[in-house]
């Protein structure tokens, strides 16, 4: 009897050790995937804390905050250098616009605190993330919205286009934050829809620049990798294409079509199935119809 008990305990210990090794190995894989995809200088423990708390802070982010001025506004902490002070009022006004616009599209969402980090230029911004994006970005894992201050002089000189670009950027990135609060799982959505909704929220239809672009099948704009490839392909404009597709859907079905799709995906966990049920279209049919409307 005692021998059987010892054997059972040994087997249990081996199983627990094996499970622990799997979990530890898996956690290191998660750490590598997250740091590679974000380009962030996160330690293993910062990554694991971020996975558990859904908020992580890299060493470069901590250093930036320590050397920056800070302004808390609603649920947002703005970190900036002193020469950005003149744009603080415009930034707050734009954040108000972003909150109002996303409430129109998604309804009220939980206002989870996040940090708005303002860099002096694109080079510094890209150095922070180690990603040569050239754009502002929002990271829900890090709970940061990152922009750069390169256009400050033009904005203060009352250049309307510079002001519009600044506000459009903030509206776009804030929409990513609000979209993430609204959906149950961001991974259920293709990149064209996520980016198209963000563009739709931020763009003034009277100002949108409409160059010719070659269409990309929507099934090739699903993953982050596909999106990055499309961005670097001549004659392709995935942001504009996605904007016009979402704009077409709202013209045909009203802005509520966005939340109708989201609510359906929450149930089905299948974007294409929900998209078809809500709009009556396949993605192939959407490609044809939005292109016809765009060219008209």
C-alpha atoms as a PDB file:
ATOM      1  CA  UNK A   1       0.000   0.000   0.000  1.00  0.00           C
ATOM      2  CA  UNK A   2       2.804   2.378   0.969  1.00  0.00           C
ATOM      3  CA  UNK A   3       4.695   1.495  -2.202  1.00  0.00           C
ATOM      4  CA  UNK A   4       1.629   2.285  -4.333  1.00  0.00           C
ATOM      5  CA  UNK A   5       1.237   5.598  -2.568  1.00  0.00           C
ATOM      6  CA  UNK A   6       4.883   6.510  -3.195  1.00  0.00           C
ATOM      7  CA  UNK A   7       4.534   5.546  -6.836  1.00  0.00           C
ATOM      8  CA  UNK A   8       1.414   7.702  -7.187  1.00  0.00           C
ATOM      9  CA  UNK A   9       3.179  10.649  -5.550  1.00  0.00           C
ATOM     10  CA  UNK A  10       6.176  10.226  -7.838  1.00  0.00           C
ATOM     11  CA  UNK A  11       3.975  10.126 -10.914  1.00  0.00           C
ATOM     12  CA  UNK A  12       2.099  13.217  -9.723  1.00  0.00           C
ATOM     13  CA  UNK A  13       5.378  15.040  -9.109  1.00  0.00           C
ATOM     14  CA  UNK A  14       6.620  14.124 -12.584  1.00  0.00           C
ATOM     15  CA  UNK A  15       3.389  15.318 -14.181  1.00  0.00           C
ATOM     16  CA  UNK A  16       3.500  18.606 -12.264  1.00  0.00           C
ATOM     17  CA  UNK A  17       7.154  19.107 -13.221  1.00  0.00           C
ATOM     18  CA  UNK A  18       6.320  18.431 -16.868  1.00  0.00           C
ATOM     19  CA  UNK A  19       3.388  20.883 -16.786  1.00  0.00           C
ATOM     20  CA  UNK A  20       5.570  23.504 -15.094  1.00  0.00           C
ATOM     21  CA  UNK A  21       8.252  23.083 -17.766  1.00  0.00           C
ATOM     22  CA  UNK A  22       5.627  23.461 -20.489  1.00  0.00           C
ATOM     23  CA  UNK A  23       4.231  26.601 -18.874  1.00  0.00           C
ATOM     24  CA  UNK A  24       7.683  28.083 -18.378  1.00  0.00           C
ATOM     25  CA  UNK A  25       8.708  27.273 -21.929  1.00  0.00           C
ATOM     26  CA  UNK A  26       5.439  28.654 -23.252  1.00  0.00           C
ATOM     27  CA  UNK A  27       5.847  31.857 -21.269  1.00  0.00           C
ATOM     28  CA  UNK A  28       9.293  32.457 -22.802  1.00  0.00           C
ATOM     29  CA  UNK A  29       7.779  31.954 -26.257  1.00  0.00           C
ATOM     30  CA  UNK A  30       5.050  34.473 -25.368  1.00  0.00           C
ATOM     31  CA  UNK A  31       7.730  36.917 -24.196  1.00  0.00           C
ATOM     32  CA  UNK A  32       9.656  36.571 -27.475  1.00  0.00           C
ATOM     33  CA  UNK A  33       6.539  36.921 -29.648  1.00  0.00           C
ATOM     34  CA  UNK A  34       5.358  40.030 -27.774  1.00  0.00           C
ATOM     35  CA  UNK A  35       8.725  41.786 -27.707  1.00  0.00           C
ATOM     36  CA  UNK A  36       9.394  40.955 -31.358  1.00  0.00           C
ATOM     37  CA  UNK A  37       5.974  42.181 -32.496  1.00  0.00           C
ATOM     38  CA  UNK A  38       6.048  45.356 -30.391  1.00  0.00           C
ATOM     39  CA  UNK A  39       9.736  46.071 -30.772  1.00  0.00           C
ATOM     40  CA  UNK A  40       9.672  46.957 -27.075  1.00  0.00           C
ATOM     41  CA  UNK A  41      12.539  46.508 -24.602  1.00  0.00           C
ATOM     42  CA  UNK A  42      10.474  44.506 -22.124  1.00  0.00           C
ATOM     43  CA  UNK A  43      12.076  42.099 -19.680  1.00  0.00           C
ATOM     44  CA  UNK A  44      10.584  38.637 -19.216  1.00  0.00           C
ATOM     45  CA  UNK A  45       8.950  39.709 -15.934  1.00  0.00           C
ATOM     46  CA  UNK A  46       7.549  42.920 -17.470  1.00  0.00           C
ATOM     47  CA  UNK A  47       6.011  40.869 -20.263  1.00  0.00           C
ATOM     48  CA  UNK A  48       4.433  38.390 -17.865  1.00  0.00           C
ATOM     49  CA  UNK A  49       3.119  41.223 -15.697  1.00  0.00           C
ATOM     50  CA  UNK A  50       1.668  42.816 -18.809  1.00  0.00           C
ATOM     51  CA  UNK A  51      -0.050  39.564 -19.822  1.00  0.00           C
ATOM     52  CA  UNK A  52      -1.593  39.242 -16.360  1.00  0.00           C
ATOM     53  CA  UNK A  53      -2.482  42.911 -15.770  1.00  0.00           C
ATOM     54  CA  UNK A  54      -2.930  43.916 -19.427  1.00  0.00           C
ATOM     55  CA  UNK A  55      -0.557  46.814 -18.807  1.00  0.00           C
ATOM     56  CA  UNK A  56       3.218  46.729 -19.181  1.00  0.00           C
ATOM     57  CA  UNK A  57       5.891  49.390 -18.935  1.00  0.00           C
ATOM     58  CA  UNK A  58       9.214  49.081 -20.741  1.00  0.00           C
ATOM     59  CA  UNK A  59      12.464  50.518 -19.423  1.00  0.00           C
ATOM     60  CA  UNK A  60      12.568  53.146 -22.206  1.00  0.00           C
ATOM     61  CA  UNK A  61       9.001  54.178 -21.368  1.00  0.00           C
ATOM     62  CA  UNK A  62       9.872  54.542 -17.687  1.00  0.00           C
ATOM     63  CA  UNK A  63      12.906  56.678 -18.520  1.00  0.00           C
ATOM     64  CA  UNK A  64      10.883  58.842 -20.882  1.00  0.00           C
ATOM     65  CA  UNK A  65       8.254  59.485 -18.237  1.00  0.00           C
ATOM     66  CA  UNK A  66      10.856  60.429 -15.657  1.00  0.00           C
ATOM     67  CA  UNK A  67      12.367  63.060 -17.982  1.00  0.00           C
ATOM     68  CA  UNK A  68       9.068  64.447 -19.298  1.00  0.00           C
ATOM     69  CA  UNK A  69       6.468  66.904 -18.131  1.00  0.00           C
ATOM     70  CA  UNK A  70       3.086  65.371 -17.336  1.00  0.00           C
ATOM     71  CA  UNK A  71      -0.491  66.568 -17.761  1.00  0.00           C
ATOM     72  CA  UNK A  72      -3.407  64.377 -16.658  1.00  0.00           C
ATOM     73  CA  UNK A  73      -6.567  64.846 -18.675  1.00  0.00           C
ATOM     74  CA  UNK A  74      -9.610  62.666 -18.079  1.00  0.00           C
ATOM     75  CA  UNK A  75      -8.329  59.051 -18.254  1.00  0.00           C
ATOM     76  CA  UNK A  76      -5.188  60.026 -20.181  1.00  0.00           C
ATOM     77  CA  UNK A  77      -1.734  60.966 -18.876  1.00  0.00           C
ATOM     78  CA  UNK A  78       0.118  63.118 -21.420  1.00  0.00           C
ATOM     79  CA  UNK A  79       3.928  62.989 -21.265  1.00  0.00           C
ATOM     80  CA  UNK A  80       5.749  65.673 -23.253  1.00  0.00           C
ATOM     81  CA  UNK A  81       8.741  67.983 -23.434  1.00  0.00           C
ATOM     82  CA  UNK A  82       8.303  71.633 -22.527  1.00  0.00           C
ATOM     83  CA  UNK A  83       8.177  72.891 -26.106  1.00  0.00           C
ATOM     84  CA  UNK A  84       4.996  70.899 -26.687  1.00  0.00           C
ATOM     85  CA  UNK A  85       3.168  72.968 -24.050  1.00  0.00           C
ATOM     86  CA  UNK A  86       1.721  75.306 -26.675  1.00  0.00           C
ATOM     87  CA  UNK A  87      -0.127  72.391 -28.265  1.00  0.00           C
ATOM     88  CA  UNK A  88      -1.621  71.041 -25.046  1.00  0.00           C
ATOM     89  CA  UNK A  89      -4.931  72.856 -25.442  1.00  0.00           C
ATOM     90  CA  UNK A  90      -5.293  71.629 -29.039  1.00  0.00           C
ATOM     91  CA  UNK A  91      -4.393  68.112 -27.875  1.00  0.00           C
ATOM     92  CA  UNK A  92      -7.089  68.170 -25.203  1.00  0.00           C
ATOM     93  CA  UNK A  93      -9.664  69.528 -27.650  1.00  0.00           C
ATOM     94  CA  UNK A  94      -8.768  66.758 -30.091  1.00  0.00           C
ATOM     95  CA  UNK A  95      -9.018  64.104 -27.395  1.00  0.00           C
ATOM     96  CA  UNK A  96     -12.504  65.427 -26.602  1.00  0.00           C
ATOM     97  CA  UNK A  97     -13.396  65.093 -30.279  1.00  0.00           C
ATOM     98  CA  UNK A  98     -12.009  61.554 -30.308  1.00  0.00           C
ATOM     99  CA  UNK A  99     -14.028  60.567 -27.247  1.00  0.00           C
ATOM    100  CA  UNK A 100     -17.212  62.054 -28.711  1.00  0.00           C
ATOM    101  CA  UNK A 101     -16.621  60.445 -32.116  1.00  0.00           C
ATOM    102  CA  UNK A 102     -15.936  56.981 -30.741  1.00  0.00           C
ATOM    103  CA  UNK A 103     -18.985  57.199 -28.487  1.00  0.00           C
ATOM    104  CA  UNK A 104     -21.035  57.944 -31.615  1.00  0.00           C
ATOM    105  CA  UNK A 105     -19.643  54.844 -33.284  1.00  0.00           C
ATOM    106  CA  UNK A 106     -19.359  52.382 -30.391  1.00  0.00           C
ATOM    107  CA  UNK A 107     -21.437  53.803 -27.554  1.00  0.00           C
ATOM    108  CA  UNK A 108     -19.821  54.395 -24.168  1.00  0.00           C
ATOM    109  CA  UNK A 109     -16.824  52.187 -23.389  1.00  0.00           C
ATOM    110  CA  UNK A 110     -14.762  51.674 -20.253  1.00  0.00           C
ATOM    111  CA  UNK A 111     -12.259  54.518 -19.924  1.00  0.00           C
ATOM    112  CA  UNK A 112      -9.224  52.433 -19.014  1.00  0.00           C
ATOM    113  CA  UNK A 113      -6.296  54.772 -18.231  1.00  0.00           C
ATOM    114  CA  UNK A 114      -3.498  55.012 -20.793  1.00  0.00           C
ATOM    115  CA  UNK A 115      -0.465  57.197 -21.504  1.00  0.00           C
ATOM    116  CA  UNK A 116      -0.067  59.570 -24.433  1.00  0.00           C
ATOM    117  CA  UNK A 117       3.654  59.842 -25.184  1.00  0.00           C
ATOM    118  CA  UNK A 118       4.783  62.778 -27.329  1.00  0.00           C
ATOM    119  CA  UNK A 119       8.163  62.532 -29.055  1.00  0.00           C
ATOM    120  CA  UNK A 120      10.065  65.373 -30.673  1.00  0.00           C
ATOM    121  CA  UNK A 121      10.285  63.711 -34.079  1.00  0.00           C
ATOM    122  CA  UNK A 122       9.752  60.510 -36.022  1.00  0.00           C
ATOM    123  CA  UNK A 123      13.286  59.238 -35.363  1.00  0.00           C
ATOM    124  CA  UNK A 124      12.858  59.449 -31.577  1.00  0.00           C
ATOM    125  CA  UNK A 125       9.408  57.866 -31.800  1.00  0.00           C
ATOM    126  CA  UNK A 126      10.668  54.946 -33.857  1.00  0.00           C
ATOM    127  CA  UNK A 127      13.612  54.547 -31.501  1.00  0.00           C
ATOM    128  CA  UNK A 128      11.198  54.111 -28.618  1.00  0.00           C
ATOM    129  CA  UNK A 129       9.414  51.178 -30.236  1.00  0.00           C
ATOM    130  CA  UNK A 130      12.383  49.957 -32.313  1.00  0.00           C
ATOM    131  CA  UNK A 131       9.894  49.787 -35.178  1.00  0.00           C
ATOM    132  CA  UNK A 132      10.393  52.028 -38.205  1.00  0.00           C
ATOM    133  CA  UNK A 133       6.694  52.753 -38.534  1.00  0.00           C
ATOM    134  CA  UNK A 134       6.851  56.411 -39.505  1.00  0.00           C
ATOM    135  CA  UNK A 135       3.374  56.684 -37.997  1.00  0.00           C
ATOM    136  CA  UNK A 136       1.816  57.215 -34.626  1.00  0.00           C
ATOM    137  CA  UNK A 137       0.603  54.040 -32.969  1.00  0.00           C
ATOM    138  CA  UNK A 138      -1.429  52.659 -30.094  1.00  0.00           C
ATOM    139  CA  UNK A 139      -0.390  49.585 -28.110  1.00  0.00           C
ATOM    140  CA  UNK A 140      -3.055  48.085 -25.904  1.00  0.00           C
ATOM    141  CA  UNK A 141      -0.499  45.778 -24.292  1.00  0.00           C
ATOM    142  CA  UNK A 142       1.637  48.742 -23.207  1.00  0.00           C
ATOM    143  CA  UNK A 143      -1.402  51.029 -22.780  1.00  0.00           C
ATOM    144  CA  UNK A 144       0.352  53.804 -24.679  1.00  0.00           C
ATOM    145  CA  UNK A 145      -0.620  56.043 -27.572  1.00  0.00           C
ATOM    146  CA  UNK A 146       2.503  57.422 -29.238  1.00  0.00           C
ATOM    147  CA  UNK A 147       2.740  60.490 -31.493  1.00  0.00           C
ATOM    148  CA  UNK A 148       5.506  62.860 -32.595  1.00  0.00           C
ATOM    149  CA  UNK A 149       5.775  66.651 -32.500  1.00  0.00           C
ATOM    150  CA  UNK A 150       7.323  67.302 -35.933  1.00  0.00           C
ATOM    151  CA  UNK A 151       4.447  69.446 -37.197  1.00  0.00           C
ATOM    152  CA  UNK A 152       4.314  71.841 -34.249  1.00  0.00           C
ATOM    153  CA  UNK A 153       5.698  74.856 -36.113  1.00  0.00           C
ATOM    154  CA  UNK A 154       3.172  74.534 -38.947  1.00  0.00           C
ATOM    155  CA  UNK A 155       0.287  74.078 -36.509  1.00  0.00           C
ATOM    156  CA  UNK A 156       1.258  77.188 -34.538  1.00  0.00           C
ATOM    157  CA  UNK A 157       1.529  79.056 -37.859  1.00  0.00           C
ATOM    158  CA  UNK A 158      -2.142  78.145 -38.337  1.00  0.00           C
ATOM    159  CA  UNK A 159      -1.528  75.813 -41.247  1.00  0.00           C
ATOM    160  CA  UNK A 160      -4.917  74.111 -41.637  1.00  0.00           C
ATOM    161  CA  UNK A 161      -3.545  70.970 -43.248  1.00  0.00           C
ATOM    162  CA  UNK A 162      -0.963  70.470 -40.480  1.00  0.00           C
ATOM    163  CA  UNK A 163      -3.662  70.885 -37.830  1.00  0.00           C
ATOM    164  CA  UNK A 164      -5.963  68.473 -39.668  1.00  0.00           C
ATOM    165  CA  UNK A 165      -3.192  65.863 -39.957  1.00  0.00           C
ATOM    166  CA  UNK A 166      -2.398  66.171 -36.244  1.00  0.00           C
ATOM    167  CA  UNK A 167      -6.045  65.803 -35.239  1.00  0.00           C
ATOM    168  CA  UNK A 168      -6.705  63.012 -37.738  1.00  0.00           C
ATOM    169  CA  UNK A 169      -3.748  61.070 -36.313  1.00  0.00           C
ATOM    170  CA  UNK A 170      -4.992  61.403 -32.731  1.00  0.00           C
ATOM    171  CA  UNK A 171      -8.545  60.490 -33.733  1.00  0.00           C
ATOM    172  CA  UNK A 172      -7.315  57.426 -35.618  1.00  0.00           C
ATOM    173  CA  UNK A 173      -5.165  56.117 -32.764  1.00  0.00           C
ATOM    174  CA  UNK A 174      -7.752  56.876 -30.082  1.00  0.00           C
ATOM    175  CA  UNK A 175     -10.255  54.885 -32.136  1.00  0.00           C
ATOM    176  CA  UNK A 176      -7.926  51.869 -31.848  1.00  0.00           C
ATOM    177  CA  UNK A 177      -8.040  52.308 -28.066  1.00  0.00           C
ATOM    178  CA  UNK A 178     -11.854  52.581 -28.034  1.00  0.00           C
ATOM    179  CA  UNK A 179     -12.299  49.726 -30.531  1.00  0.00           C
ATOM    180  CA  UNK A 180     -10.266  47.462 -28.255  1.00  0.00           C
ATOM    181  CA  UNK A 181     -12.494  48.432 -25.315  1.00  0.00           C
ATOM    182  CA  UNK A 182     -15.638  47.670 -27.366  1.00  0.00           C
ATOM    183  CA  UNK A 183     -14.787  44.232 -28.778  1.00  0.00           C
ATOM    184  CA  UNK A 184     -14.461  41.015 -26.832  1.00  0.00           C
ATOM    185  CA  UNK A 185     -11.408  39.777 -28.766  1.00  0.00           C
ATOM    186  CA  UNK A 186      -9.429  41.924 -31.194  1.00  0.00           C
ATOM    187  CA  UNK A 187      -7.986  38.820 -32.852  1.00  0.00           C
ATOM    188  CA  UNK A 188     -11.376  38.037 -34.390  1.00  0.00           C
ATOM    189  CA  UNK A 189     -11.120  41.051 -36.707  1.00  0.00           C
ATOM    190  CA  UNK A 190      -9.113  41.442 -39.927  1.00  0.00           C
ATOM    191  CA  UNK A 191      -6.702  44.344 -40.177  1.00  0.00           C
ATOM    192  CA  UNK A 192      -8.656  46.019 -42.992  1.00  0.00           C
ATOM    193  CA  UNK A 193     -11.722  46.355 -40.778  1.00  0.00           C
ATOM    194  CA  UNK A 194      -9.805  47.537 -37.694  1.00  0.00           C
ATOM    195  CA  UNK A 195      -7.819  50.115 -39.667  1.00  0.00           C
ATOM    196  CA  UNK A 196     -10.780  51.043 -41.865  1.00  0.00           C
ATOM    197  CA  UNK A 197     -12.902  51.915 -38.822  1.00  0.00           C
ATOM    198  CA  UNK A 198     -10.052  53.975 -37.346  1.00  0.00           C
ATOM    199  CA  UNK A 199      -9.612  55.844 -40.638  1.00  0.00           C
ATOM    200  CA  UNK A 200     -13.372  56.367 -40.910  1.00  0.00           C
ATOM    201  CA  UNK A 201     -13.483  57.890 -37.430  1.00  0.00           C
ATOM    202  CA  UNK A 202     -10.575  60.237 -38.086  1.00  0.00           C
ATOM    203  CA  UNK A 203     -11.049  61.387 -41.658  1.00  0.00           C
ATOM    204  CA  UNK A 204     -13.022  64.430 -42.724  1.00  0.00           C
ATOM    205  CA  UNK A 205     -14.780  63.278 -45.942  1.00  0.00           C
ATOM    206  CA  UNK A 206     -14.319  66.767 -47.405  1.00  0.00           C
ATOM    207  CA  UNK A 207     -10.557  66.528 -47.004  1.00  0.00           C
ATOM    208  CA  UNK A 208      -9.823  62.922 -47.923  1.00  0.00           C
ATOM    209  CA  UNK A 209      -7.228  62.644 -50.682  1.00  0.00           C
ATOM    210  CA  UNK A 210      -8.381  60.152 -53.299  1.00  0.00           C
ATOM    211  CA  UNK A 211      -5.530  59.019 -55.529  1.00  0.00           C
ATOM    212  CA  UNK A 212      -5.788  55.997 -57.752  1.00  0.00           C
ATOM    213  CA  UNK A 213      -4.866  52.813 -55.949  1.00  0.00           C
ATOM    214  CA  UNK A 214      -4.864  49.185 -56.964  1.00  0.00           C
ATOM    215  CA  UNK A 215      -7.268  47.006 -55.028  1.00  0.00           C
ATOM    216  CA  UNK A 216      -5.976  44.293 -52.708  1.00  0.00           C
ATOM    217  CA  UNK A 217      -8.289  41.312 -52.015  1.00  0.00           C
ATOM    218  CA  UNK A 218      -9.545  41.654 -48.451  1.00  0.00           C
ATOM    219  CA  UNK A 219      -8.404  38.132 -47.614  1.00  0.00           C
ATOM    220  CA  UNK A 220      -4.892  39.486 -48.162  1.00  0.00           C
ATOM    221  CA  UNK A 221      -5.410  42.266 -45.591  1.00  0.00           C
ATOM    222  CA  UNK A 222      -6.217  40.076 -42.620  1.00  0.00           C
ATOM    223  CA  UNK A 223      -3.004  39.699 -40.616  1.00  0.00           C
ATOM    224  CA  UNK A 224      -0.444  42.245 -39.440  1.00  0.00           C
ATOM    225  CA  UNK A 225       2.149  40.658 -41.737  1.00  0.00           C
ATOM    226  CA  UNK A 226      -0.136  41.018 -44.762  1.00  0.00           C
ATOM    227  CA  UNK A 227      -0.862  44.623 -43.832  1.00  0.00           C
ATOM    228  CA  UNK A 228       2.831  45.515 -43.537  1.00  0.00           C
ATOM    229  CA  UNK A 229       3.513  43.872 -46.895  1.00  0.00           C
ATOM    230  CA  UNK A 230       0.693  45.865 -48.525  1.00  0.00           C
ATOM    231  CA  UNK A 231       2.025  49.130 -47.076  1.00  0.00           C
ATOM    232  CA  UNK A 232       5.337  48.518 -48.827  1.00  0.00           C
ATOM    233  CA  UNK A 233       3.820  47.592 -52.198  1.00  0.00           C
ATOM    234  CA  UNK A 234       3.772  50.306 -54.909  1.00  0.00           C
ATOM    235  CA  UNK A 235       0.327  51.469 -56.066  1.00  0.00           C
ATOM    236  CA  UNK A 236      -1.334  49.867 -53.053  1.00  0.00           C
ATOM    237  CA  UNK A 237      -3.015  51.962 -50.372  1.00  0.00           C
ATOM    238  CA  UNK A 238      -4.466  49.681 -47.693  1.00  0.00           C
ATOM    239  CA  UNK A 239      -5.488  52.561 -45.423  1.00  0.00           C
ATOM    240  CA  UNK A 240      -7.463  54.351 -48.131  1.00  0.00           C
ATOM    241  CA  UNK A 241      -8.933  51.120 -49.472  1.00  0.00           C
ATOM    242  CA  UNK A 242     -10.102  50.141 -45.994  1.00  0.00           C
ATOM    243  CA  UNK A 243     -11.500  53.626 -45.372  1.00  0.00           C
ATOM    244  CA  UNK A 244     -13.545  53.569 -48.576  1.00  0.00           C
ATOM    245  CA  UNK A 245     -14.826  50.073 -47.812  1.00  0.00           C
ATOM    246  CA  UNK A 246     -16.051  51.088 -44.339  1.00  0.00           C
ATOM    247  CA  UNK A 247     -17.415  54.360 -45.702  1.00  0.00           C
ATOM    248  CA  UNK A 248     -19.359  52.420 -48.348  1.00  0.00           C
ATOM    249  CA  UNK A 249     -20.843  50.147 -45.668  1.00  0.00           C
ATOM    250  CA  UNK A 250     -21.979  53.121 -43.565  1.00  0.00           C
ATOM    251  CA  UNK A 251     -23.576  54.804 -46.578  1.00  0.00           C
ATOM    252  CA  UNK A 252     -25.505  51.640 -47.403  1.00  0.00           C
ATOM    253  CA  UNK A 253     -26.402  50.533 -43.869  1.00  0.00           C
ATOM    254  CA  UNK A 254     -25.811  53.524 -41.569  1.00  0.00           C
ATOM    255  CA  UNK A 255     -23.010  53.941 -39.033  1.00  0.00           C
ATOM    256  CA  UNK A 256     -24.684  51.392 -36.788  1.00  0.00           C
ATOM    257  CA  UNK A 257     -23.429  48.693 -39.167  1.00  0.00           C
ATOM    258  CA  UNK A 258     -20.079  48.865 -37.344  1.00  0.00           C
ATOM    259  CA  UNK A 259     -21.506  47.886 -33.966  1.00  0.00           C
ATOM    260  CA  UNK A 260     -23.882  45.416 -35.594  1.00  0.00           C
ATOM    261  CA  UNK A 261     -20.891  43.584 -37.028  1.00  0.00           C
ATOM    262  CA  UNK A 262     -19.056  43.782 -33.692  1.00  0.00           C
ATOM    263  CA  UNK A 263     -22.037  42.424 -31.739  1.00  0.00           C
ATOM    264  CA  UNK A 264     -22.447  39.582 -34.210  1.00  0.00           C
ATOM    265  CA  UNK A 265     -18.749  38.680 -34.088  1.00  0.00           C
ATOM    266  CA  UNK A 266     -18.980  38.534 -30.301  1.00  0.00           C
ATOM    267  CA  UNK A 267     -21.529  35.741 -30.799  1.00  0.00           C
ATOM    268  CA  UNK A 268     -20.089  33.874 -33.788  1.00  0.00           C
ATOM    269  CA  UNK A 269     -16.360  34.534 -33.269  1.00  0.00           C
ATOM    270  CA  UNK A 270     -16.179  34.448 -37.053  1.00  0.00           C
ATOM    271  CA  UNK A 271     -15.806  37.779 -38.837  1.00  0.00           C
ATOM    272  CA  UNK A 272     -16.709  36.621 -42.337  1.00  0.00           C
ATOM    273  CA  UNK A 273     -19.822  34.814 -41.124  1.00  0.00           C
ATOM    274  CA  UNK A 274     -20.973  37.839 -39.134  1.00  0.00           C
ATOM    275  CA  UNK A 275     -20.103  40.234 -41.941  1.00  0.00           C
ATOM    276  CA  UNK A 276     -22.279  38.268 -44.344  1.00  0.00           C
ATOM    277  CA  UNK A 277     -25.188  38.028 -41.900  1.00  0.00           C
ATOM    278  CA  UNK A 278     -25.185  41.779 -41.175  1.00  0.00           C
ATOM    279  CA  UNK A 279     -24.453  43.211 -44.626  1.00  0.00           C
ATOM    280  CA  UNK A 280     -25.736  40.490 -46.946  1.00  0.00           C
ATOM    281  CA  UNK A 281     -22.381  40.641 -48.747  1.00  0.00           C
ATOM    282  CA  UNK A 282     -19.397  38.386 -49.146  1.00  0.00           C
ATOM    283  CA  UNK A 283     -15.986  40.029 -48.987  1.00  0.00           C
ATOM    284  CA  UNK A 284     -15.653  39.477 -52.757  1.00  0.00           C
ATOM    285  CA  UNK A 285     -18.901  41.330 -53.316  1.00  0.00           C
ATOM    286  CA  UNK A 286     -17.759  44.146 -51.038  1.00  0.00           C
ATOM    287  CA  UNK A 287     -14.588  44.527 -53.126  1.00  0.00           C
ATOM    288  CA  UNK A 288     -16.624  44.944 -56.287  1.00  0.00           C
ATOM    289  CA  UNK A 289     -19.277  47.241 -54.829  1.00  0.00           C
ATOM    290  CA  UNK A 290     -17.077  49.625 -52.861  1.00  0.00           C
ATOM    291  CA  UNK A 291     -14.741  49.995 -55.845  1.00  0.00           C
ATOM    292  CA  UNK A 292     -17.652  50.920 -58.093  1.00  0.00           C
ATOM    293  CA  UNK A 293     -18.839  53.532 -55.578  1.00  0.00           C
ATOM    294  CA  UNK A 294     -15.290  54.860 -55.101  1.00  0.00           C
ATOM    295  CA  UNK A 295     -14.717  55.283 -58.852  1.00  0.00           C
ATOM    296  CA  UNK A 296     -18.048  57.090 -59.247  1.00  0.00           C
END
